[in-house]
Amino acid sequence: MSKIGKLPITIPPAITVNLSGRQLTVSNSQDQLQLTIPTQIELDIKDNLITVTRLSEAKKVKSNHGTIRALIQNMVTGLQTPWQKNLEILGTGYKAALSGKKISLTVGFIKPVDIDIPADITVSLDGDTKINISGIDKAKVGQLASNIRKVRPPEPYKGKGIRYKDEFIKLKPGKTAKTDA
């Protein structure tokens, strides 16, 4: 049995969960998230608990068991408190700007790089170099943060580029001056 898959999920009072056929809907007063449950996975919803069980011991079903449970837990958690990712931009002249539903990154290329922001994701800037991304869907928040970071990942010599807030970049030593021996 899956260690993660067998754990029950507690439903907080502000969250409602509905299962119609294979479609699971998790919602609060403002937002809702949906997930399609695979055929060999069963959900049991009672007493503010969701229990995920599998009907087969096939390899594909076993691998989906813990994944589906984690996805449901992430949906419930995201509706309670939004998921957040924080990025920082390091480098001379590197900066970010918001314009409508786009974020414009000036990171050493000839033209600024524009990235579209999905409808249910909120992006805010602290100054020009700190980007805060938040939203109810963990996958969308992480994917947007990854797409922004891919524009200019931190380089290993000076550390210039876009990195996650708490990311540690091990810097390589540069060329050393030639000494006469």
Protein backbone atom coordinates (compact mmCIF):
# COMPACT_ATOMS: atom_id res chain seq x y z
CA MET A 1 0.00 0.00 0.00
CA SER A 2 1.21 3.49 -0.82
CA LYS A 3 2.51 5.37 2.24
CA ILE A 4 1.09 8.67 1.00
CA GLY A 5 -1.96 7.21 -0.74
CA LYS A 6 -3.38 5.57 2.38
CA LEU A 7 -3.41 8.78 4.45
CA PRO A 8 -6.87 10.41 4.72
CA ILE A 9 -7.40 14.03 3.67
CA THR A 10 -9.20 16.28 6.17
CA ILE A 11 -11.72 18.69 4.65
CA PRO A 12 -11.81 22.06 6.47
CA PRO A 13 -15.24 23.62 7.18
CA ALA A 14 -14.85 26.37 4.54
CA ILE A 15 -14.17 23.85 1.73
CA THR A 16 -16.83 21.83 -0.12
CA VAL A 17 -16.04 18.64 -2.04
CA ASN A 18 -18.33 17.12 -4.69
CA LEU A 19 -17.77 13.94 -6.68
CA SER A 20 -19.92 13.44 -9.76
CA GLY A 21 -18.91 10.41 -11.77
CA ARG A 22 -15.12 10.63 -12.23
CA GLN A 23 -15.01 14.43 -11.78
CA LEU A 24 -13.96 15.78 -8.36
CA THR A 25 -14.73 19.44 -7.59
CA VAL A 26 -13.16 21.16 -4.60
CA SER A 27 -14.39 24.70 -3.91
CA ASN A 28 -14.59 27.48 -1.37
CA SER A 29 -16.80 30.58 -1.44
CA GLN A 30 -14.89 32.21 -4.34
CA ASP A 31 -12.89 29.64 -6.33
CA GLN A 32 -13.07 26.04 -7.42
CA LEU A 33 -10.66 23.43 -8.74
CA GLN A 34 -11.49 20.25 -10.67
CA LEU A 35 -9.71 16.92 -11.09
CA THR A 36 -10.59 13.87 -13.17
CA ILE A 37 -10.08 10.65 -11.18
CA PRO A 38 -8.58 7.66 -13.08
CA THR A 39 -10.77 4.56 -13.51
CA GLN A 40 -9.06 2.21 -11.02
CA ILE A 41 -8.94 4.80 -8.19
CA GLU A 42 -11.90 5.19 -5.82
CA LEU A 43 -12.70 8.06 -3.46
CA ASP A 44 -14.70 7.72 -0.26
CA ILE A 45 -15.99 11.05 1.11
CA LYS A 46 -17.58 10.99 4.58
CA ASP A 47 -17.24 12.73 7.96
CA ASN A 48 -15.07 15.52 6.47
CA LEU A 49 -12.49 12.96 5.33
CA ILE A 50 -11.49 11.84 1.85
CA THR A 51 -9.98 8.37 1.56
CA VAL A 52 -8.27 7.33 -1.68
CA THR A 53 -8.18 3.60 -2.49
CA ARG A 54 -7.08 1.61 -5.51
CA LEU A 55 -8.98 -1.26 -7.05
CA SER A 56 -6.04 -2.96 -8.75
CA GLU A 57 -2.41 -3.80 -8.06
CA ALA A 58 -1.26 -2.92 -11.59
CA LYS A 59 1.90 -0.81 -11.76
CA LYS A 60 0.13 2.18 -13.37
CA VAL A 61 -2.64 2.15 -10.75
CA LYS A 62 -0.14 1.87 -7.90
CA SER A 63 1.81 4.84 -9.22
CA ASN A 64 -1.39 6.92 -9.58
CA HIS A 65 -2.59 6.14 -6.04
CA GLY A 66 -0.25 8.47 -4.13
CA THR A 67 -0.24 11.03 -6.92
CA ILE A 68 -4.03 11.47 -6.93
CA ARG A 69 -4.07 11.74 -3.13
CA ALA A 70 -1.33 14.42 -3.24
CA LEU A 71 -3.17 16.35 -5.98
CA ILE A 72 -6.38 16.40 -3.92
CA GLN A 73 -4.46 17.50 -0.81
CA ASN A 74 -2.82 20.31 -2.83
CA MET A 75 -6.24 21.44 -4.08
CA VAL A 76 -7.63 21.61 -0.52
CA THR A 77 -4.53 23.38 0.79
CA GLY A 78 -4.48 25.88 -2.11
CA LEU A 79 -8.09 26.88 -1.51
CA GLN A 80 -7.34 27.52 2.18
CA THR A 81 -4.12 29.51 1.69
CA PRO A 82 -2.82 30.33 -1.81
CA TRP A 83 0.44 28.77 -2.98
CA GLN A 84 3.34 31.20 -3.34
CA LYS A 85 6.68 31.31 -5.15
CA ASN A 86 9.14 34.16 -4.77
CA LEU A 87 11.82 34.97 -7.34
CA GLU A 88 14.61 37.51 -7.28
CA ILE A 89 16.55 39.02 -10.15
CA LEU A 90 20.28 39.65 -9.71
CA GLY A 91 22.42 41.55 -12.21
CA THR A 92 23.24 45.07 -13.27
CA GLY A 93 20.31 46.54 -15.20
CA TYR A 94 18.15 43.42 -14.76
CA LYS A 95 14.56 44.21 -13.81
CA ALA A 96 10.91 43.21 -14.20
CA ALA A 97 7.79 45.24 -14.96
CA LEU A 98 4.08 44.39 -14.97
CA SER A 99 1.82 45.55 -17.78
CA GLY A 100 -1.71 44.17 -17.64
CA LYS A 101 -1.60 40.36 -17.70
CA LYS A 102 2.03 40.24 -18.85
CA ILE A 103 5.31 40.43 -17.02
CA SER A 104 8.15 42.05 -18.94
CA LEU A 105 11.69 40.93 -18.04
CA THR A 106 14.73 43.01 -18.96
CA VAL A 107 17.59 40.60 -18.35
CA GLY A 108 20.38 41.40 -20.78
CA PHE A 109 18.74 40.62 -24.12
CA ILE A 110 18.20 43.18 -26.90
CA LYS A 111 14.45 43.29 -26.25
CA PRO A 112 12.50 42.65 -23.04
CA VAL A 113 10.99 39.17 -22.72
CA ASP A 114 7.20 39.16 -22.16
CA ILE A 115 5.50 36.26 -20.38
CA ASP A 116 1.71 35.90 -20.19
CA ILE A 117 0.20 35.48 -16.73
CA PRO A 118 -2.66 32.92 -16.47
CA ALA A 119 -6.06 34.25 -15.38
CA ASP A 120 -6.13 32.69 -11.90
CA ILE A 121 -2.54 33.57 -10.95
CA THR A 122 -1.56 36.81 -9.17
CA VAL A 123 1.86 38.36 -9.77
CA SER A 124 3.19 41.31 -7.80
CA LEU A 125 6.54 43.08 -7.74
CA ASP A 126 8.54 44.35 -4.76
CA GLY A 127 10.68 46.98 -6.41
CA ASP A 128 12.12 46.01 -9.77
CA THR A 129 13.88 42.82 -8.76
CA LYS A 130 11.54 40.77 -6.57
CA ILE A 131 8.66 38.81 -8.13
CA ASN A 132 5.89 37.28 -5.99
CA ILE A 133 3.65 34.68 -7.64
CA SER A 134 0.54 33.32 -5.88
CA GLY A 135 -2.51 31.28 -6.78
CA ILE A 136 -4.75 28.40 -5.74
CA ASP A 137 -3.34 25.85 -8.20
CA LYS A 138 0.09 24.62 -7.10
CA ALA A 139 1.03 23.31 -10.56
CA LYS A 140 0.23 26.60 -12.33
CA VAL A 141 2.12 28.67 -9.75
CA GLY A 142 5.17 26.43 -10.02
CA GLN A 143 5.04 26.33 -13.82
CA LEU A 144 4.86 30.12 -14.14
CA ALA A 145 7.78 30.51 -11.70
CA SER A 146 9.76 27.96 -13.72
CA ASN A 147 8.97 29.70 -17.02
CA ILE A 148 10.14 33.05 -15.60
CA ARG A 149 13.34 31.46 -14.23
CA LYS A 150 14.10 29.79 -17.58
CA VAL A 151 14.39 33.20 -19.28
CA ARG A 152 17.74 33.80 -17.56
CA PRO A 153 18.79 31.10 -15.07
CA PRO A 154 21.56 32.08 -12.65
CA GLU A 155 25.00 31.68 -14.15
CA PRO A 156 27.70 29.91 -12.10
CA TYR A 157 30.44 32.57 -12.10
CA LYS A 158 28.81 35.79 -10.84
CA GLY A 159 25.35 34.46 -9.94
CA LYS A 160 23.56 36.87 -12.28
CA GLY A 161 20.09 35.85 -13.44
CA ILE A 162 16.67 34.90 -12.06
CA ARG A 163 16.57 32.58 -9.06
CA TYR A 164 14.12 31.39 -6.43
CA LYS A 165 14.29 33.44 -3.23
CA ASP A 166 15.99 30.80 -1.05
CA GLU A 167 17.93 29.09 -3.85
CA PHE A 168 21.64 28.64 -3.23
CA ILE A 169 23.93 28.95 -6.24
CA LYS A 170 27.44 27.57 -5.74
CA LEU A 171 29.74 29.93 -7.57
CA LYS A 172 32.70 28.58 -9.53
CA PRO A 173 36.08 30.24 -9.26
CA GLY A 174 36.98 32.37 -12.27
CA LYS A 175 40.26 32.40 -14.12
CA THR A 176 43.25 33.04 -11.90
CA ALA A 177 46.14 35.29 -12.84
CA LYS A 178 49.21 33.53 -14.14
CA THR A 179 52.04 33.58 -11.63
CA ASP A 180 55.72 33.29 -12.54
CA ALA A 181 57.36 30.40 -10.77
